[in-house]
Amino acid sequence: MPPKKPAAKAGTKPASKKPAAGKAPAKKAAPSSSGAAAAAPPAKKAAKDGITIILKQLQGVLKDEDGKMKATGKFPLVIDKSGRAATFLRYQHTNYMQAVSPADMQSEVLRKALIGAIRYGKPLTIDMVESDMYENLETQLNGVQDGLLNSIVSRDLLKDDKYLSLVKDSDGDEYKDYMFNLVDEFVFIIVTEKEDQKDEILEKFYTVRITE
């Protein structure tokens, strides 16, 4: 009879195979940049100051009944893709201008609208419609006075009677310095249907988004 094989010892495990010497563990393939899988769009940055409301609340927000907008020191940027907010503002007690209208964007027309709004303590509303017209507005206002848009947005124009530098002799006696008694009630409003706004613009304004 052939000799018996020795019995395996209890509890012993077969030796695991080791990778061949000199071979590194395989790495996972890097994601392809060929565009096969579409990258997720970058998340929108939230405006630093702002509020989301329904249309019927707009009048109260613009009157700043709770003082929140005044606390930020910013003027409102109203964003409403439906265009209803622009229609509402057009028929309020305001100097309303359309940024897409060549007639409205003439420098002298803008000067008179601005100084009139400051003099009578009412809003100057610029309707951008669905267009990106901020830079064009800046150019036209700079035609009145260098850096004028930034001076309005920062409220610097309202300090130390600087707005009087916009007044011309031809404007008449109603624009004499002692007639500007409602300056604190002046509001500069931009309204737009374009939801996607540049961060640098959002940072300058108190953003009022209208939801349906």
N, C-alpha and C. Protein backbone atom coordinates (compact mmCIF):
# COMPACT_ATOMS: atom_id res chain seq x y z
N MET A 1 0.85 -1.20 0.00
CA MET A 1 0.00 0.00 0.00
C MET A 1 0.87 1.23 0.00
N PRO A 2 0.46 2.27 -0.73
CA PRO A 2 1.25 3.53 -0.71
C PRO A 2 1.13 4.23 0.61
N PRO A 3 2.13 4.97 1.06
CA PRO A 3 2.09 5.67 2.37
C PRO A 3 1.01 6.73 2.38
N LYS A 4 0.35 6.92 3.57
CA LYS A 4 -0.70 7.93 3.72
C LYS A 4 -0.10 9.32 3.78
N LYS A 5 -0.87 10.32 3.17
CA LYS A 5 -0.44 11.72 3.24
C LYS A 5 -0.70 12.24 4.63
N PRO A 6 0.20 13.08 5.14
CA PRO A 6 -0.02 13.64 6.49
C PRO A 6 -1.25 14.54 6.50
N ALA A 7 -2.07 14.42 7.54
CA ALA A 7 -3.30 15.23 7.66
C ALA A 7 -2.95 16.69 7.88
N ALA A 8 -3.77 17.60 7.28
CA ALA A 8 -3.53 19.05 7.48
C ALA A 8 -3.84 19.44 8.89
N LYS A 9 -3.05 20.38 9.44
CA LYS A 9 -3.25 20.82 10.80
C LYS A 9 -4.50 21.68 10.89
N ALA A 10 -5.25 21.45 11.96
CA ALA A 10 -6.49 22.20 12.17
C ALA A 10 -6.20 23.68 12.31
N GLY A 11 -7.05 24.50 11.65
CA GLY A 11 -6.94 25.97 11.81
C GLY A 11 -5.98 26.62 10.86
N THR A 12 -5.27 25.90 10.10
CA THR A 12 -4.34 26.54 9.18
C THR A 12 -5.06 26.94 7.91
N LYS A 13 -4.68 28.10 7.33
CA LYS A 13 -5.30 28.62 6.11
C LYS A 13 -4.30 28.58 4.98
N PRO A 14 -4.83 28.40 3.79
CA PRO A 14 -3.91 28.43 2.65
C PRO A 14 -3.24 29.80 2.57
N ALA A 15 -1.99 29.79 2.21
CA ALA A 15 -1.25 31.07 2.10
C ALA A 15 -1.82 31.90 0.98
N SER A 16 -2.04 33.20 1.26
CA SER A 16 -2.57 34.10 0.22
C SER A 16 -1.49 34.44 -0.77
N LYS A 17 -1.94 34.60 -2.00
CA LYS A 17 -0.98 34.91 -3.05
C LYS A 17 -0.56 36.37 -2.96
N LYS A 18 0.72 36.62 -3.03
CA LYS A 18 1.24 37.98 -3.01
C LYS A 18 1.42 38.47 -4.43
N PRO A 19 1.21 39.79 -4.66
CA PRO A 19 1.45 40.31 -6.01
C PRO A 19 2.89 40.12 -6.41
N ALA A 20 3.09 39.90 -7.69
CA ALA A 20 4.46 39.70 -8.17
C ALA A 20 5.30 40.90 -7.84
N ALA A 21 6.54 40.64 -7.50
CA ALA A 21 7.45 41.72 -7.11
C ALA A 21 7.60 42.74 -8.22
N GLY A 22 7.62 44.03 -7.83
CA GLY A 22 7.85 45.10 -8.81
C GLY A 22 6.60 45.60 -9.47
N LYS A 23 5.45 44.98 -9.21
CA LYS A 23 4.20 45.43 -9.82
C LYS A 23 3.38 46.22 -8.81
N ALA A 24 3.09 47.49 -9.12
CA ALA A 24 2.28 48.32 -8.22
C ALA A 24 0.82 47.97 -8.40
N PRO A 25 0.01 48.18 -7.35
CA PRO A 25 -1.43 47.93 -7.49
C PRO A 25 -2.01 48.82 -8.58
N ALA A 26 -2.95 48.27 -9.34
CA ALA A 26 -3.54 49.03 -10.45
C ALA A 26 -4.30 50.23 -9.93
N LYS A 27 -4.17 51.38 -10.60
CA LYS A 27 -4.88 52.61 -10.21
C LYS A 27 -6.16 52.73 -10.98
N LYS A 28 -7.16 53.38 -10.33
CA LYS A 28 -8.42 53.64 -11.02
C LYS A 28 -8.20 54.68 -12.11
N ALA A 29 -8.85 54.46 -13.23
CA ALA A 29 -8.70 55.39 -14.35
C ALA A 29 -9.28 56.74 -14.00
N ALA A 30 -8.57 57.82 -14.36
CA ALA A 30 -9.06 59.19 -14.11
C ALA A 30 -10.25 59.47 -14.99
N PRO A 31 -11.20 60.29 -14.52
CA PRO A 31 -12.37 60.62 -15.34
C PRO A 31 -11.96 61.25 -16.65
N SER A 32 -12.63 60.88 -17.71
CA SER A 32 -12.30 61.40 -19.03
C SER A 32 -12.71 62.86 -19.13
N SER A 33 -11.88 63.66 -19.74
CA SER A 33 -12.20 65.08 -19.94
C SER A 33 -12.71 65.33 -21.35
N SER A 34 -13.09 64.22 -22.03
CA SER A 34 -13.51 64.35 -23.42
C SER A 34 -14.89 64.93 -23.56
N GLY A 35 -15.62 65.11 -22.41
CA GLY A 35 -16.96 65.69 -22.48
C GLY A 35 -18.03 64.64 -22.58
N ALA A 36 -17.64 63.31 -22.47
CA ALA A 36 -18.64 62.26 -22.55
C ALA A 36 -19.68 62.43 -21.46
N ALA A 37 -19.20 62.78 -20.25
CA ALA A 37 -20.12 63.04 -19.15
C ALA A 37 -20.12 64.54 -18.90
N ALA A 38 -21.24 65.18 -19.05
CA ALA A 38 -21.33 66.64 -18.91
C ALA A 38 -21.07 67.06 -17.48
N ALA A 39 -20.20 68.05 -17.30
CA ALA A 39 -19.89 68.54 -15.96
C ALA A 39 -21.07 69.34 -15.44
N ALA A 40 -21.30 69.26 -14.14
CA ALA A 40 -22.39 70.01 -13.53
C ALA A 40 -22.09 71.49 -13.60
N PRO A 41 -23.08 72.34 -13.91
CA PRO A 41 -22.84 73.78 -13.98
C PRO A 41 -22.50 74.33 -12.61
N PRO A 42 -21.66 75.38 -12.56
CA PRO A 42 -21.30 75.96 -11.26
C PRO A 42 -22.50 76.52 -10.54
N ALA A 43 -22.53 76.34 -9.25
CA ALA A 43 -23.66 76.83 -8.46
C ALA A 43 -23.67 78.35 -8.46
N LYS A 44 -24.88 78.93 -8.50
CA LYS A 44 -25.01 80.38 -8.46
C LYS A 44 -24.68 80.89 -7.07
N LYS A 45 -23.98 82.00 -7.02
CA LYS A 45 -23.68 82.61 -5.73
C LYS A 45 -24.88 83.43 -5.27
N ALA A 46 -25.21 83.29 -4.03
CA ALA A 46 -26.35 84.03 -3.50
C ALA A 46 -25.98 85.50 -3.34
N ALA A 47 -26.95 86.34 -3.56
CA ALA A 47 -26.72 87.77 -3.35
C ALA A 47 -26.45 88.02 -1.87
N LYS A 48 -25.60 88.98 -1.60
CA LYS A 48 -25.22 89.24 -0.21
C LYS A 48 -26.40 89.78 0.59
N ASP A 49 -27.17 90.66 -0.03
CA ASP A 49 -28.34 91.23 0.64
C ASP A 49 -29.53 91.12 -0.29
N GLY A 50 -30.67 90.66 0.23
CA GLY A 50 -31.83 90.57 -0.62
C GLY A 50 -32.98 89.80 -0.01
N ILE A 51 -34.04 89.66 -0.81
CA ILE A 51 -35.28 89.05 -0.34
C ILE A 51 -36.03 88.49 -1.54
N THR A 52 -36.81 87.43 -1.32
CA THR A 52 -37.69 86.88 -2.34
C THR A 52 -39.13 87.09 -1.89
N ILE A 53 -39.94 87.67 -2.77
CA ILE A 53 -41.31 88.04 -2.40
C ILE A 53 -42.28 87.72 -3.55
N ILE A 54 -43.56 87.91 -3.30
CA ILE A 54 -44.55 87.88 -4.37
C ILE A 54 -44.83 89.32 -4.78
N LEU A 55 -45.42 89.49 -5.95
CA LEU A 55 -45.55 90.83 -6.54
C LEU A 55 -46.30 91.81 -5.65
N LYS A 56 -47.35 91.36 -4.98
CA LYS A 56 -48.15 92.29 -4.20
C LYS A 56 -47.39 92.85 -2.99
N GLN A 57 -46.25 92.25 -2.66
CA GLN A 57 -45.43 92.76 -1.55
C GLN A 57 -44.42 93.80 -2.01
N LEU A 58 -44.29 93.99 -3.34
CA LEU A 58 -43.23 94.84 -3.86
C LEU A 58 -43.32 96.28 -3.38
N GLN A 59 -44.50 96.85 -3.38
CA GLN A 59 -44.65 98.25 -2.98
C GLN A 59 -44.15 98.47 -1.56
N GLY A 60 -44.53 97.56 -0.65
CA GLY A 60 -44.09 97.69 0.73
C GLY A 60 -42.59 97.56 0.88
N VAL A 61 -42.00 96.64 0.11
CA VAL A 61 -40.54 96.45 0.18
C VAL A 61 -39.82 97.69 -0.32
N LEU A 62 -40.29 98.27 -1.42
CA LEU A 62 -39.63 99.46 -1.96
C LEU A 62 -39.81 100.68 -1.07
N LYS A 63 -40.90 100.70 -0.31
CA LYS A 63 -41.08 101.77 0.68
C LYS A 63 -40.24 101.52 1.92
N ASP A 64 -39.66 100.31 1.98
CA ASP A 64 -38.78 99.92 3.08
C ASP A 64 -39.47 100.09 4.43
N GLU A 65 -40.66 99.52 4.52
CA GLU A 65 -41.47 99.67 5.73
C GLU A 65 -40.82 99.06 6.96
N ASP A 66 -39.99 98.02 6.77
CA ASP A 66 -39.32 97.39 7.92
C ASP A 66 -37.89 97.87 8.11
N GLY A 67 -37.42 98.75 7.23
CA GLY A 67 -36.08 99.33 7.38
C GLY A 67 -34.93 98.41 7.01
N LYS A 68 -35.23 97.21 6.47
CA LYS A 68 -34.16 96.26 6.15
C LYS A 68 -33.27 96.75 5.03
N MET A 69 -33.86 97.35 4.01
CA MET A 69 -33.06 97.82 2.88
C MET A 69 -32.17 98.99 3.31
N LYS A 70 -32.71 99.90 4.08
CA LYS A 70 -31.92 101.04 4.56
C LYS A 70 -30.74 100.59 5.39
N ALA A 71 -30.93 99.51 6.14
CA ALA A 71 -29.85 99.00 6.99
C ALA A 71 -28.66 98.51 6.16
N THR A 72 -28.92 98.09 4.93
CA THR A 72 -27.82 97.64 4.07
C THR A 72 -27.12 98.80 3.36
N GLY A 73 -27.80 99.96 3.29
CA GLY A 73 -27.22 101.10 2.59
C GLY A 73 -27.26 100.95 1.08
N LYS A 74 -28.13 100.05 0.59
CA LYS A 74 -28.17 99.77 -0.85
C LYS A 74 -29.53 100.10 -1.45
N PHE A 75 -29.51 100.35 -2.76
CA PHE A 75 -30.75 100.55 -3.51
C PHE A 75 -31.22 99.21 -4.08
N PRO A 76 -32.50 99.11 -4.47
CA PRO A 76 -33.03 97.82 -4.91
C PRO A 76 -32.76 97.48 -6.37
N LEU A 77 -32.47 96.21 -6.59
CA LEU A 77 -32.43 95.60 -7.92
C LEU A 77 -33.57 94.60 -7.95
N VAL A 78 -34.61 94.89 -8.73
CA VAL A 78 -35.80 94.05 -8.78
C VAL A 78 -35.67 93.08 -9.96
N ILE A 79 -35.72 91.79 -9.66
CA ILE A 79 -35.57 90.75 -10.69
C ILE A 79 -36.88 90.00 -10.81
N ASP A 80 -37.50 90.11 -11.99
CA ASP A 80 -38.80 89.45 -12.22
C ASP A 80 -38.88 89.01 -13.68
N LYS A 81 -38.71 87.72 -13.92
CA LYS A 81 -38.67 87.22 -15.30
C LYS A 81 -40.00 87.39 -16.03
N SER A 82 -41.08 87.58 -15.29
CA SER A 82 -42.40 87.72 -15.92
C SER A 82 -42.62 89.12 -16.50
N GLY A 83 -41.85 90.12 -16.03
CA GLY A 83 -42.03 91.49 -16.49
C GLY A 83 -43.15 92.24 -15.79
N ARG A 84 -43.85 91.58 -14.85
CA ARG A 84 -44.98 92.24 -14.18
C ARG A 84 -44.52 93.36 -13.26
N ALA A 85 -43.35 93.17 -12.65
CA ALA A 85 -42.84 94.20 -11.74
C ALA A 85 -42.55 95.50 -12.50
N ALA A 86 -41.99 95.37 -13.70
CA ALA A 86 -41.69 96.56 -14.51
C ALA A 86 -42.98 97.28 -14.88
N THR A 87 -44.00 96.52 -15.23
CA THR A 87 -45.29 97.13 -15.57
C THR A 87 -45.87 97.86 -14.36
N PHE A 88 -45.78 97.24 -13.21
CA PHE A 88 -46.28 97.86 -11.98
C PHE A 88 -45.53 99.17 -11.69
N LEU A 89 -44.20 99.14 -11.78
CA LEU A 89 -43.40 100.32 -11.45
C LEU A 89 -43.62 101.45 -12.45
N ARG A 90 -43.90 101.09 -13.68
CA ARG A 90 -44.09 102.10 -14.72
C ARG A 90 -45.24 103.05 -14.39
N TYR A 91 -46.22 102.56 -13.67
CA TYR A 91 -47.41 103.37 -13.38
C TYR A 91 -47.45 103.87 -11.94
N GLN A 92 -46.30 103.85 -11.29
CA GLN A 92 -46.19 104.44 -9.96
C GLN A 92 -45.67 105.88 -10.08
N HIS A 93 -45.58 106.55 -8.93
CA HIS A 93 -45.07 107.93 -8.89
C HIS A 93 -43.55 107.87 -8.99
N THR A 94 -43.05 107.76 -10.22
CA THR A 94 -41.62 107.53 -10.43
C THR A 94 -41.18 108.13 -11.76
N ASN A 95 -39.92 108.45 -11.88
CA ASN A 95 -39.34 108.80 -13.16
C ASN A 95 -38.85 107.50 -13.79
N TYR A 96 -39.62 107.00 -14.75
CA TYR A 96 -39.39 105.68 -15.34
C TYR A 96 -38.66 105.81 -16.67
N MET A 97 -37.54 105.07 -16.81
CA MET A 97 -36.74 105.11 -18.04
C MET A 97 -36.47 103.68 -18.49
N GLN A 98 -36.51 103.47 -19.81
CA GLN A 98 -36.17 102.15 -20.37
C GLN A 98 -34.75 102.18 -20.92
N ALA A 99 -33.94 101.24 -20.44
CA ALA A 99 -32.53 101.21 -20.86
C ALA A 99 -32.36 100.85 -22.32
N VAL A 100 -33.38 100.23 -22.92
CA VAL A 100 -33.29 99.85 -24.34
C VAL A 100 -33.80 100.96 -25.26
N SER A 101 -34.24 102.07 -24.67
CA SER A 101 -34.77 103.18 -25.46
C SER A 101 -33.67 104.22 -25.69
N PRO A 102 -33.24 104.42 -26.93
CA PRO A 102 -32.22 105.45 -27.20
C PRO A 102 -32.64 106.83 -26.71
N ALA A 103 -33.94 107.13 -26.81
CA ALA A 103 -34.42 108.45 -26.37
C ALA A 103 -34.26 108.60 -24.85
N ASP A 104 -34.60 107.56 -24.10
CA ASP A 104 -34.49 107.62 -22.64
C ASP A 104 -33.05 107.66 -22.17
N MET A 105 -32.13 107.06 -22.95
CA MET A 105 -30.74 106.92 -22.52
C MET A 105 -29.85 108.09 -22.96
N GLN A 106 -30.44 109.13 -23.53
CA GLN A 106 -29.64 110.31 -23.83
C GLN A 106 -29.17 110.94 -22.52
N SER A 107 -27.95 111.38 -22.49
CA SER A 107 -27.35 111.88 -21.24
C SER A 107 -28.15 113.02 -20.62
N GLU A 108 -28.63 113.95 -21.44
CA GLU A 108 -29.38 115.09 -20.90
C GLU A 108 -30.73 114.65 -20.35
N VAL A 109 -31.35 113.68 -21.00
CA VAL A 109 -32.63 113.16 -20.52
C VAL A 109 -32.42 112.46 -19.17
N LEU A 110 -31.36 111.70 -19.05
CA LEU A 110 -31.04 111.02 -17.79
C LEU A 110 -30.73 112.02 -16.68
N ARG A 111 -30.01 113.08 -17.04
CA ARG A 111 -29.68 114.11 -16.03
C ARG A 111 -30.95 114.73 -15.45
N LYS A 112 -31.86 115.10 -16.33
CA LYS A 112 -33.10 115.74 -15.88
C LYS A 112 -33.96 114.77 -15.06
N ALA A 113 -34.00 113.51 -15.48
CA ALA A 113 -34.78 112.52 -14.74
C ALA A 113 -34.20 112.30 -13.35
N LEU A 114 -32.88 112.27 -13.27
CA LEU A 114 -32.20 112.04 -11.99
C LEU A 114 -32.37 113.23 -11.05
N ILE A 115 -32.09 114.40 -11.53
CA ILE A 115 -32.17 115.57 -10.66
C ILE A 115 -33.61 115.86 -10.26
N GLY A 116 -34.56 115.53 -11.15
CA GLY A 116 -35.97 115.70 -10.82
C GLY A 116 -36.41 114.73 -9.74
N ALA A 117 -35.94 113.49 -9.81
CA ALA A 117 -36.29 112.49 -8.80
C ALA A 117 -35.72 112.87 -7.44
N ILE A 118 -34.50 113.40 -7.43
CA ILE A 118 -33.90 113.83 -6.16
C ILE A 118 -34.64 115.05 -5.61
N ARG A 119 -34.94 115.98 -6.48
CA ARG A 119 -35.62 117.21 -6.06
C ARG A 119 -37.00 116.92 -5.46
N TYR A 120 -37.75 116.02 -6.08
CA TYR A 120 -39.12 115.77 -5.64
C TYR A 120 -39.25 114.52 -4.76
N GLY A 121 -38.12 113.92 -4.40
CA GLY A 121 -38.14 112.80 -3.46
C GLY A 121 -38.91 111.59 -3.95
N LYS A 122 -38.64 111.17 -5.18
CA LYS A 122 -39.33 110.00 -5.73
C LYS A 122 -38.32 109.08 -6.42
N PRO A 123 -38.73 107.88 -6.79
CA PRO A 123 -37.78 106.95 -7.40
C PRO A 123 -37.40 107.33 -8.83
N LEU A 124 -36.17 107.01 -9.19
CA LEU A 124 -35.74 106.95 -10.58
C LEU A 124 -35.63 105.48 -10.91
N THR A 125 -36.50 105.01 -11.81
CA THR A 125 -36.56 103.59 -12.16
C THR A 125 -35.97 103.36 -13.54
N ILE A 126 -34.99 102.46 -13.63
CA ILE A 126 -34.39 102.09 -14.90
C ILE A 126 -34.81 100.66 -15.22
N ASP A 127 -35.55 100.51 -16.30
CA ASP A 127 -36.04 99.19 -16.71
C ASP A 127 -35.08 98.61 -17.75
N MET A 128 -34.39 97.52 -17.35
CA MET A 128 -33.43 96.86 -18.25
C MET A 128 -34.12 95.85 -19.18
N VAL A 129 -35.41 95.60 -18.97
CA VAL A 129 -36.16 94.59 -19.70
C VAL A 129 -35.42 93.25 -19.54
N GLU A 130 -35.18 92.52 -20.64
CA GLU A 130 -34.47 91.24 -20.50
C GLU A 130 -33.01 91.37 -20.95
N SER A 131 -32.56 92.60 -21.16
CA SER A 131 -31.21 92.83 -21.69
C SER A 131 -30.20 93.14 -20.59
N ASP A 132 -28.94 92.91 -20.91
CA ASP A 132 -27.85 93.25 -20.00
C ASP A 132 -27.35 94.64 -20.38
N MET A 133 -27.95 95.66 -19.78
CA MET A 133 -27.69 97.04 -20.19
C MET A 133 -26.97 97.86 -19.13
N TYR A 134 -26.44 97.21 -18.11
CA TYR A 134 -25.84 97.95 -17.00
C TYR A 134 -24.64 98.79 -17.48
N GLU A 135 -23.78 98.18 -18.29
CA GLU A 135 -22.60 98.91 -18.75
C GLU A 135 -22.99 100.06 -19.67
N ASN A 136 -24.03 99.87 -20.48
CA ASN A 136 -24.50 100.96 -21.34
C ASN A 136 -25.05 102.11 -20.50
N LEU A 137 -25.81 101.76 -19.45
CA LEU A 137 -26.33 102.79 -18.54
C LEU A 137 -25.18 103.56 -17.90
N GLU A 138 -24.14 102.82 -17.49
CA GLU A 138 -22.98 103.47 -16.87
C GLU A 138 -22.32 104.44 -17.84
N THR A 139 -22.19 104.03 -19.09
CA THR A 139 -21.58 104.89 -20.11
C THR A 139 -22.39 106.17 -20.31
N GLN A 140 -23.71 106.01 -20.39
CA GLN A 140 -24.57 107.18 -20.62
C GLN A 140 -24.55 108.14 -19.44
N LEU A 141 -24.58 107.60 -18.23
CA LEU A 141 -24.53 108.47 -17.05
C LEU A 141 -23.16 109.13 -16.90
N ASN A 142 -22.12 108.42 -17.31
CA ASN A 142 -20.78 109.03 -17.27
C ASN A 142 -20.68 110.19 -18.25
N GLY A 143 -21.60 110.19 -19.25
CA GLY A 143 -21.66 111.32 -20.16
C GLY A 143 -22.20 112.57 -19.50
N VAL A 144 -22.91 112.38 -18.40
CA VAL A 144 -23.42 113.51 -17.60
C VAL A 144 -22.33 113.99 -16.65
N GLN A 145 -21.74 113.02 -15.97
CA GLN A 145 -20.69 113.32 -14.99
C GLN A 145 -19.86 112.06 -14.79
N ASP A 146 -18.57 112.19 -14.79
CA ASP A 146 -17.69 111.03 -14.67
C ASP A 146 -17.96 110.27 -13.37
N GLY A 147 -18.15 108.96 -13.50
CA GLY A 147 -18.38 108.12 -12.33
C GLY A 147 -19.76 108.27 -11.71
N LEU A 148 -20.72 108.81 -12.48
CA LEU A 148 -22.03 109.15 -11.90
C LEU A 148 -22.80 107.92 -11.43
N LEU A 149 -22.81 106.83 -12.20
CA LEU A 149 -23.58 105.66 -11.78
C LEU A 149 -23.07 105.12 -10.45
N ASN A 150 -21.77 105.01 -10.31
CA ASN A 150 -21.22 104.52 -9.04
C ASN A 150 -21.53 105.47 -7.89
N SER A 151 -21.56 106.76 -8.20
CA SER A 151 -21.87 107.75 -7.18
C SER A 151 -23.32 107.64 -6.72
N ILE A 152 -24.22 107.29 -7.66
CA ILE A 152 -25.63 107.09 -7.29
C ILE A 152 -25.78 105.83 -6.45
N VAL A 153 -25.22 104.72 -6.96
CA VAL A 153 -25.38 103.41 -6.31
C VAL A 153 -24.80 103.41 -4.90
N SER A 154 -23.68 104.08 -4.72
CA SER A 154 -23.03 104.14 -3.40
C SER A 154 -23.67 105.18 -2.48
N ARG A 155 -24.60 105.96 -3.01
CA ARG A 155 -25.27 107.06 -2.30
C ARG A 155 -24.35 108.25 -2.05
N ASP A 156 -23.17 108.22 -2.60
CA ASP A 156 -22.24 109.32 -2.39
C ASP A 156 -22.78 110.61 -2.98
N LEU A 157 -23.55 110.50 -4.06
CA LEU A 157 -24.12 111.69 -4.70
C LEU A 157 -25.06 112.45 -3.78
N LEU A 158 -25.65 111.75 -2.82
CA LEU A 158 -26.63 112.38 -1.93
C LEU A 158 -25.99 113.04 -0.72
N LYS A 159 -24.68 112.87 -0.57
CA LYS A 159 -23.98 113.43 0.58
C LYS A 159 -23.46 114.84 0.28
N ASP A 160 -23.52 115.69 1.27
CA ASP A 160 -22.93 117.04 1.19
C ASP A 160 -23.42 117.81 -0.04
N ASP A 161 -24.69 117.61 -0.41
CA ASP A 161 -25.30 118.34 -1.53
C ASP A 161 -24.56 118.16 -2.86
N LYS A 162 -23.91 117.00 -3.05
CA LYS A 162 -23.16 116.78 -4.29
C LYS A 162 -24.06 116.75 -5.52
N TYR A 163 -25.32 116.40 -5.32
CA TYR A 163 -26.26 116.36 -6.44
C TYR A 163 -26.45 117.73 -7.08
N LEU A 164 -26.16 118.80 -6.35
CA LEU A 164 -26.31 120.14 -6.91
C LEU A 164 -25.34 120.39 -8.06
N SER A 165 -24.30 119.58 -8.16
CA SER A 165 -23.35 119.73 -9.27
C SER A 165 -23.99 119.34 -10.60
N LEU A 166 -25.15 118.69 -10.54
CA LEU A 166 -25.87 118.29 -11.75
C LEU A 166 -26.83 119.36 -12.25
N VAL A 167 -27.10 120.34 -11.40
CA VAL A 167 -28.08 121.38 -11.73
C VAL A 167 -27.46 122.42 -12.66
N LYS A 168 -28.23 122.81 -13.68
CA LYS A 168 -27.80 123.85 -14.60
C LYS A 168 -28.65 125.10 -14.39
N ASP A 169 -28.13 126.24 -14.77
CA ASP A 169 -28.87 127.50 -14.64
C ASP A 169 -30.19 127.43 -15.42
N SER A 170 -30.16 126.71 -16.52
CA SER A 170 -31.35 126.60 -17.37
C SER A 170 -32.47 125.78 -16.73
N ASP A 171 -32.17 125.11 -15.61
CA ASP A 171 -33.19 124.29 -14.94
C ASP A 171 -34.21 125.15 -14.20
N GLY A 172 -33.89 126.39 -13.94
CA GLY A 172 -34.86 127.31 -13.34
C GLY A 172 -34.82 127.34 -11.82
N ASP A 173 -35.67 128.23 -11.27
CA ASP A 173 -35.67 128.47 -9.83
C ASP A 173 -36.13 127.27 -9.01
N GLU A 174 -36.92 126.38 -9.61
CA GLU A 174 -37.41 125.23 -8.83
C GLU A 174 -36.29 124.27 -8.45
N TYR A 175 -35.11 124.47 -9.03
CA TYR A 175 -33.97 123.61 -8.70
C TYR A 175 -32.88 124.36 -7.93
N LYS A 176 -33.26 125.46 -7.32
CA LYS A 176 -32.34 126.14 -6.42
C LYS A 176 -32.04 125.24 -5.22
N ASP A 177 -30.91 125.44 -4.61
CA ASP A 177 -30.47 124.53 -3.54
C ASP A 177 -31.49 124.41 -2.41
N TYR A 178 -32.19 125.50 -2.08
CA TYR A 178 -33.13 125.47 -0.95
C TYR A 178 -34.42 124.72 -1.28
N MET A 179 -34.57 124.28 -2.54
CA MET A 179 -35.77 123.55 -2.93
C MET A 179 -35.63 122.04 -2.75
N PHE A 180 -34.44 121.57 -2.44
CA PHE A 180 -34.19 120.13 -2.30
C PHE A 180 -34.45 119.69 -0.86
N ASN A 181 -35.73 119.51 -0.55
CA ASN A 181 -36.10 119.15 0.82
C ASN A 181 -36.51 117.69 1.01
N LEU A 182 -36.52 116.94 -0.10
CA LEU A 182 -37.00 115.55 -0.03
C LEU A 182 -35.94 114.55 -0.50
N VAL A 183 -34.70 114.94 -0.36
CA VAL A 183 -33.59 114.11 -0.85
C VAL A 183 -33.60 112.72 -0.21
N ASP A 184 -33.92 112.64 1.06
CA ASP A 184 -33.90 111.36 1.78
C ASP A 184 -34.92 110.36 1.25
N GLU A 185 -35.90 110.84 0.49
CA GLU A 185 -36.93 109.95 -0.04
C GLU A 185 -36.59 109.43 -1.44
N PHE A 186 -35.50 109.90 -2.00
CA PHE A 186 -35.07 109.44 -3.33
C PHE A 186 -34.66 107.97 -3.28
N VAL A 187 -35.08 107.21 -4.31
CA VAL A 187 -34.71 105.80 -4.44
C VAL A 187 -34.30 105.54 -5.89
N PHE A 188 -33.21 104.85 -6.05
CA PHE A 188 -32.75 104.44 -7.38
C PHE A 188 -33.09 102.97 -7.56
N ILE A 189 -33.92 102.66 -8.55
CA ILE A 189 -34.39 101.29 -8.76
C ILE A 189 -33.98 100.80 -10.13
N ILE A 190 -33.40 99.61 -10.17
CA ILE A 190 -33.19 98.92 -11.44
C ILE A 190 -34.11 97.72 -11.43
N VAL A 191 -34.87 97.55 -12.52
CA VAL A 191 -35.76 96.39 -12.65
C VAL A 191 -35.37 95.64 -13.92
N THR A 192 -35.34 94.32 -13.83
CA THR A 192 -34.90 93.50 -14.95
C THR A 192 -35.65 92.18 -15.00
N GLU A 193 -35.77 91.63 -16.20
CA GLU A 193 -36.34 90.29 -16.37
C GLU A 193 -35.24 89.23 -16.40
N LYS A 194 -33.99 89.66 -16.46
CA LYS A 194 -32.85 88.75 -16.57
C LYS A 194 -32.47 88.22 -15.19
N GLU A 195 -32.68 86.92 -14.97
CA GLU A 195 -32.43 86.34 -13.65
C GLU A 195 -30.95 86.18 -13.33
N ASP A 196 -30.15 85.87 -14.33
CA ASP A 196 -28.74 85.60 -14.11
C ASP A 196 -27.96 86.92 -14.16
N GLN A 197 -27.61 87.44 -13.01
CA GLN A 197 -26.90 88.71 -12.92
C GLN A 197 -25.45 88.50 -12.44
N LYS A 198 -24.57 89.35 -12.89
CA LYS A 198 -23.17 89.25 -12.49
C LYS A 198 -23.03 89.50 -10.98
N ASP A 199 -22.08 88.79 -10.39
CA ASP A 199 -21.87 88.91 -8.95
C ASP A 199 -21.56 90.35 -8.52
N GLU A 200 -20.78 91.06 -9.36
CA GLU A 200 -20.40 92.42 -8.99
C GLU A 200 -21.60 93.36 -8.97
N ILE A 201 -22.62 93.04 -9.75
CA ILE A 201 -23.85 93.85 -9.72
C ILE A 201 -24.68 93.47 -8.50
N LEU A 202 -24.81 92.17 -8.24
CA LEU A 202 -25.58 91.72 -7.08
C LEU A 202 -25.01 92.27 -5.77
N GLU A 203 -23.70 92.41 -5.72
CA GLU A 203 -23.06 92.91 -4.50
C GLU A 203 -23.41 94.38 -4.23
N LYS A 204 -23.74 95.12 -5.29
CA LYS A 204 -23.98 96.56 -5.15
C LYS A 204 -25.40 96.90 -4.73
N PHE A 205 -26.33 95.94 -4.90
CA PHE A 205 -27.74 96.23 -4.71
C PHE A 205 -28.40 95.33 -3.66
N TYR A 206 -29.56 95.78 -3.20
CA TYR A 206 -30.44 94.96 -2.37
C TYR A 206 -31.36 94.23 -3.35
N THR A 207 -31.15 92.93 -3.50
CA THR A 207 -31.84 92.18 -4.54
C THR A 207 -33.24 91.77 -4.11
N VAL A 208 -34.21 92.14 -4.94
CA VAL A 208 -35.61 91.79 -4.68
C VAL A 208 -36.07 90.86 -5.81
N ARG A 209 -36.20 89.59 -5.50
CA ARG A 209 -36.62 88.60 -6.51
C ARG A 209 -38.12 88.37 -6.37
N ILE A 210 -38.81 88.42 -7.51
CA ILE A 210 -40.24 88.19 -7.53
C ILE A 210 -40.51 86.73 -7.91
N THR A 211 -41.25 86.03 -7.07
CA THR A 211 -41.59 84.65 -7.36
C THR A 211 -43.05 84.57 -7.81
N GLU A 212 -43.35 83.57 -8.61
CA GLU A 212 -44.71 83.45 -9.14
C GLU A 212 -45.64 82.83 -8.10
